[in-house]
Amino acid sequence: SSFIQTSLEDSDIDSDLRSTSCLNLLDLALKRGLYIAKKRLSRVD
């Protein structure tokens, strides 16, 4: 039973890492998109 418990804990950690990296990628994409949008807006001005 201890083996099953450990594997469950491992999968929890794994999913946490995955969601964190996904959030980081989204954050980077948003920042990049805002940066490009600002550049385009300033070009129009």
PDB file of N, CA and C in Angstrom:
ATOM      1  N   SER A   1       0.832  -1.208   0.000  1.00  0.00           N
ATOM      2  CA  SER A   1       0.000   0.000   0.000  1.00  0.00           C
ATOM      3  C   SER A   1       0.869   1.262   0.000  1.00  0.00           C
ATOM      4  N   SER A   2       2.042   1.162   0.631  1.00  0.00           N
ATOM      5  CA  SER A   2       2.924   2.328   0.687  1.00  0.00           C
ATOM      6  C   SER A   2       3.428   2.687  -0.714  1.00  0.00           C
ATOM      7  N   PHE A   3       3.631   1.660  -1.556  1.00  0.00           N
ATOM      8  CA  PHE A   3       4.096   1.910  -2.924  1.00  0.00           C
ATOM      9  C   PHE A   3       3.055   2.709  -3.708  1.00  0.00           C
ATOM     10  N   ILE A   4       1.795   2.316  -3.573  1.00  0.00           N
ATOM     11  CA  ILE A   4       0.710   3.023  -4.267  1.00  0.00           C
ATOM     12  C   ILE A   4       0.639   4.473  -3.787  1.00  0.00           C
ATOM     13  N   GLN A   5       0.788   4.660  -2.484  1.00  0.00           N
ATOM     14  CA  GLN A   5       0.733   6.003  -1.913  1.00  0.00           C
ATOM     15  C   GLN A   5       1.847   6.878  -2.495  1.00  0.00           C
ATOM     16  N   THR A   6       3.055   6.318  -2.595  1.00  0.00           N
ATOM     17  CA  THR A   6       4.188   7.077  -3.114  1.00  0.00           C
ATOM     18  C   THR A   6       3.965   7.471  -4.561  1.00  0.00           C
ATOM     19  N   SER A   7       3.465   6.538  -5.365  1.00  0.00           N
ATOM     20  CA  SER A   7       3.247   6.836  -6.782  1.00  0.00           C
ATOM     21  C   SER A   7       2.172   7.909  -6.949  1.00  0.00           C
ATOM     22  N   LEU A   8       1.186   7.904  -6.069  1.00  0.00           N
ATOM     23  CA  LEU A   8       0.149   8.935  -6.120  1.00  0.00           C
ATOM     24  C   LEU A   8       0.751  10.301  -5.801  1.00  0.00           C
ATOM     25  N   GLU A   9       1.620  10.347  -4.803  1.00  0.00           N
ATOM     26  CA  GLU A   9       2.277  11.602  -4.447  1.00  0.00           C
ATOM     27  C   GLU A   9       3.138  12.090  -5.605  1.00  0.00           C
ATOM     28  N   ASP A  10       3.845  11.175  -6.246  1.00  0.00           N
ATOM     29  CA  ASP A  10       4.691  11.531  -7.384  1.00  0.00           C
ATOM     30  C   ASP A  10       3.865  12.146  -8.505  1.00  0.00           C
ATOM     31  N   SER A  11       2.724  11.546  -8.801  1.00  0.00           N
ATOM     32  CA  SER A  11       1.889  12.060  -9.888  1.00  0.00           C
ATOM     33  C   SER A  11       1.327  13.437  -9.535  1.00  0.00           C
ATOM     34  N   ASP A  12       1.051  13.664  -8.255  1.00  0.00           N
ATOM     35  CA  ASP A  12       0.578  14.983  -7.812  1.00  0.00           C
ATOM     36  C   ASP A  12       1.645  16.038  -8.064  1.00  0.00           C
ATOM     37  N   ILE A  13       2.884  15.713  -7.698  1.00  0.00           N
ATOM     38  CA  ILE A  13       4.000  16.641  -7.914  1.00  0.00           C
ATOM     39  C   ILE A  13       4.180  16.892  -9.406  1.00  0.00           C
ATOM     40  N   ASP A  14       4.079  15.836 -10.193  1.00  0.00           N
ATOM     41  CA  ASP A  14       4.256  15.941 -11.638  1.00  0.00           C
ATOM     42  C   ASP A  14       3.219  16.881 -12.247  1.00  0.00           C
ATOM     43  N   SER A  15       1.967  16.728 -11.847  1.00  0.00           N
ATOM     44  CA  SER A  15       0.904  17.575 -12.398  1.00  0.00           C
ATOM     45  C   SER A  15       1.088  19.021 -11.940  1.00  0.00           C
ATOM     46  N   ASP A  16       1.578  19.213 -10.719  1.00  0.00           N
ATOM     47  CA  ASP A  16       1.855  20.566 -10.226  1.00  0.00           C
ATOM     48  C   ASP A  16       2.914  21.234 -11.091  1.00  0.00           C
ATOM     49  N   LEU A  17       3.975  20.495 -11.386  1.00  0.00           N
ATOM     50  CA  LEU A  17       5.052  21.033 -12.219  1.00  0.00           C
ATOM     51  C   LEU A  17       4.533  21.382 -13.601  1.00  0.00           C
ATOM     52  N   ARG A  18       3.698  20.508 -14.147  1.00  0.00           N
ATOM     53  CA  ARG A  18       3.161  20.734 -15.491  1.00  0.00           C
ATOM     54  C   ARG A  18       2.299  21.994 -15.533  1.00  0.00           C
ATOM     55  N   SER A  19       1.421  22.148 -14.552  1.00  0.00           N
ATOM     56  CA  SER A  19       0.535  23.314 -14.540  1.00  0.00           C
ATOM     57  C   SER A  19       1.340  24.593 -14.343  1.00  0.00           C
ATOM     58  N   THR A  20       2.409  24.514 -13.546  1.00  0.00           N
ATOM     59  CA  THR A  20       3.244  25.694 -13.321  1.00  0.00           C
ATOM     60  C   THR A  20       3.942  26.109 -14.603  1.00  0.00           C
ATOM     61  N   SER A  21       4.505  25.144 -15.326  1.00  0.00           N
ATOM     62  CA  SER A  21       5.202  25.469 -16.569  1.00  0.00           C
ATOM     63  C   SER A  21       4.226  25.992 -17.614  1.00  0.00           C
ATOM     64  N   CYS A  22       3.010  25.461 -17.613  1.00  0.00           N
ATOM     65  CA  CYS A  22       1.985  25.949 -18.546  1.00  0.00           C
ATOM     66  C   CYS A  22       1.636  27.395 -18.230  1.00  0.00           C
ATOM     67  N   LEU A  23       1.498  27.708 -16.949  1.00  0.00           N
ATOM     68  CA  LEU A  23       1.186  29.078 -16.539  1.00  0.00           C
ATOM     69  C   LEU A  23       2.319  30.016 -16.919  1.00  0.00           C
ATOM     70  N   ASN A  24       3.565  29.563 -16.739  1.00  0.00           N
ATOM     71  CA  ASN A  24       4.718  30.385 -17.100  1.00  0.00           C
ATOM     72  C   ASN A  24       4.727  30.677 -18.591  1.00  0.00           C
ATOM     73  N   LEU A  25       4.421  29.657 -19.404  1.00  0.00           N
ATOM     74  CA  LEU A  25       4.386  29.837 -20.857  1.00  0.00           C
ATOM     75  C   LEU A  25       3.295  30.817 -21.250  1.00  0.00           C
ATOM     76  N   LEU A  26       2.129  30.694 -20.621  1.00  0.00           N
ATOM     77  CA  LEU A  26       1.027  31.618 -20.900  1.00  0.00           C
ATOM     78  C   LEU A  26       1.414  33.039 -20.523  1.00  0.00           C
ATOM     79  N   ASP A  27       2.067  33.183 -19.371  1.00  0.00           N
ATOM     80  CA  ASP A  27       2.495  34.497 -18.901  1.00  0.00           C
ATOM     81  C   ASP A  27       3.459  35.129 -19.896  1.00  0.00           C
ATOM     82  N   LEU A  28       4.425  34.333 -20.362  1.00  0.00           N
ATOM     83  CA  LEU A  28       5.396  34.834 -21.342  1.00  0.00           C
ATOM     84  C   LEU A  28       4.706  35.231 -22.637  1.00  0.00           C
ATOM     85  N   ALA A  29       3.774  34.402 -23.089  1.00  0.00           N
ATOM     86  CA  ALA A  29       3.058  34.684 -24.334  1.00  0.00           C
ATOM     87  C   ALA A  29       2.259  35.978 -24.214  1.00  0.00           C
ATOM     88  N   LEU A  30       1.617  36.176 -23.058  1.00  0.00           N
ATOM     89  CA  LEU A  30       0.838  37.393 -22.838  1.00  0.00           C
ATOM     90  C   LEU A  30       1.734  38.621 -22.841  1.00  0.00           C
ATOM     91  N   LYS A  31       2.862  38.535 -22.136  1.00  0.00           N
ATOM     92  CA  LYS A  31       3.788  39.665 -22.078  1.00  0.00           C
ATOM     93  C   LYS A  31       4.317  39.990 -23.464  1.00  0.00           C
ATOM     94  N   ARG A  32       4.656  38.954 -24.224  1.00  0.00           N
ATOM     95  CA  ARG A  32       5.176  39.158 -25.574  1.00  0.00           C
ATOM     96  C   ARG A  32       4.111  39.792 -26.456  1.00  0.00           C
ATOM     97  N   GLY A  33       2.883  39.303 -26.338  1.00  0.00           N
ATOM     98  CA  GLY A  33       1.780  39.846 -27.120  1.00  0.00           C
ATOM     99  C   GLY A  33       1.530  41.307 -26.798  1.00  0.00           C
ATOM    100  N   LEU A  34       1.584  41.651 -25.507  1.00  0.00           N
ATOM    101  CA  LEU A  34       1.396  43.046 -25.098  1.00  0.00           C
ATOM    102  C   LEU A  34       2.519  43.914 -25.644  1.00  0.00           C
ATOM    103  N   TYR A  35       3.737  43.404 -25.602  1.00  0.00           N
ATOM    104  CA  TYR A  35       4.900  44.146 -26.097  1.00  0.00           C
ATOM    105  C   TYR A  35       4.764  44.450 -27.579  1.00  0.00           C
ATOM    106  N   ILE A  36       4.374  43.422 -28.346  1.00  0.00           N
ATOM    107  CA  ILE A  36       4.190  43.592 -29.794  1.00  0.00           C
ATOM    108  C   ILE A  36       3.040  44.553 -30.070  1.00  0.00           C
ATOM    109  N   ALA A  37       1.956  44.419 -29.314  1.00  0.00           N
ATOM    110  CA  ALA A  37       0.798  45.299 -29.498  1.00  0.00           C
ATOM    111  C   ALA A  37       1.176  46.751 -29.228  1.00  0.00           C
ATOM    112  N   LYS A  38       1.954  46.980 -28.175  1.00  0.00           N
ATOM    113  CA  LYS A  38       2.393  48.342 -27.857  1.00  0.00           C
ATOM    114  C   LYS A  38       3.260  48.901 -28.974  1.00  0.00           C
ATOM    115  N   LYS A  39       4.141  48.060 -29.513  1.00  0.00           N
ATOM    116  CA  LYS A  39       5.010  48.498 -30.611  1.00  0.00           C
ATOM    117  C   LYS A  39       4.171  48.921 -31.814  1.00  0.00           C
ATOM    118  N   ARG A  40       3.179  48.115 -32.140  1.00  0.00           N
ATOM    119  CA  ARG A  40       2.317  48.421 -33.289  1.00  0.00           C
ATOM    120  C   ARG A  40       1.543  49.710 -33.052  1.00  0.00           C
ATOM    121  N   LEU A  41       1.028  49.891 -31.844  1.00  0.00           N
ATOM    122  CA  LEU A  41       0.273  51.097 -31.518  1.00  0.00           C
ATOM    123  C   LEU A  41       1.162  52.336 -31.612  1.00  0.00           C
ATOM    124  N   SER A  42       2.374  52.238 -31.111  1.00  0.00           N
ATOM    125  CA  SER A  42       3.276  53.393 -31.156  1.00  0.00           C
ATOM    126  C   SER A  42       3.675  53.702 -32.598  1.00  0.00           C
ATOM    127  N   ARG A  43       3.729  52.678 -33.437  1.00  0.00           N
ATOM    128  CA  ARG A  43       4.061  52.885 -34.847  1.00  0.00           C
ATOM    129  C   ARG A  43       2.940  53.657 -35.541  1.00  0.00           C
ATOM    130  N   VAL A  44       1.699  53.344 -35.185  1.00  0.00           N
ATOM    131  CA  VAL A  44       0.542  54.022 -35.773  1.00  0.00           C
ATOM    132  C   VAL A  44       0.571  55.504 -35.392  1.00  0.00           C
ATOM    133  N   ASP A  45       0.931  55.795 -34.142  1.00  0.00           N
ATOM    134  CA  ASP A  45       1.020  57.186 -33.698  1.00  0.00           C
ATOM    135  C   ASP A  45       2.100  57.894 -34.506  1.00  0.00           C
TER     136      ASP A  45
END
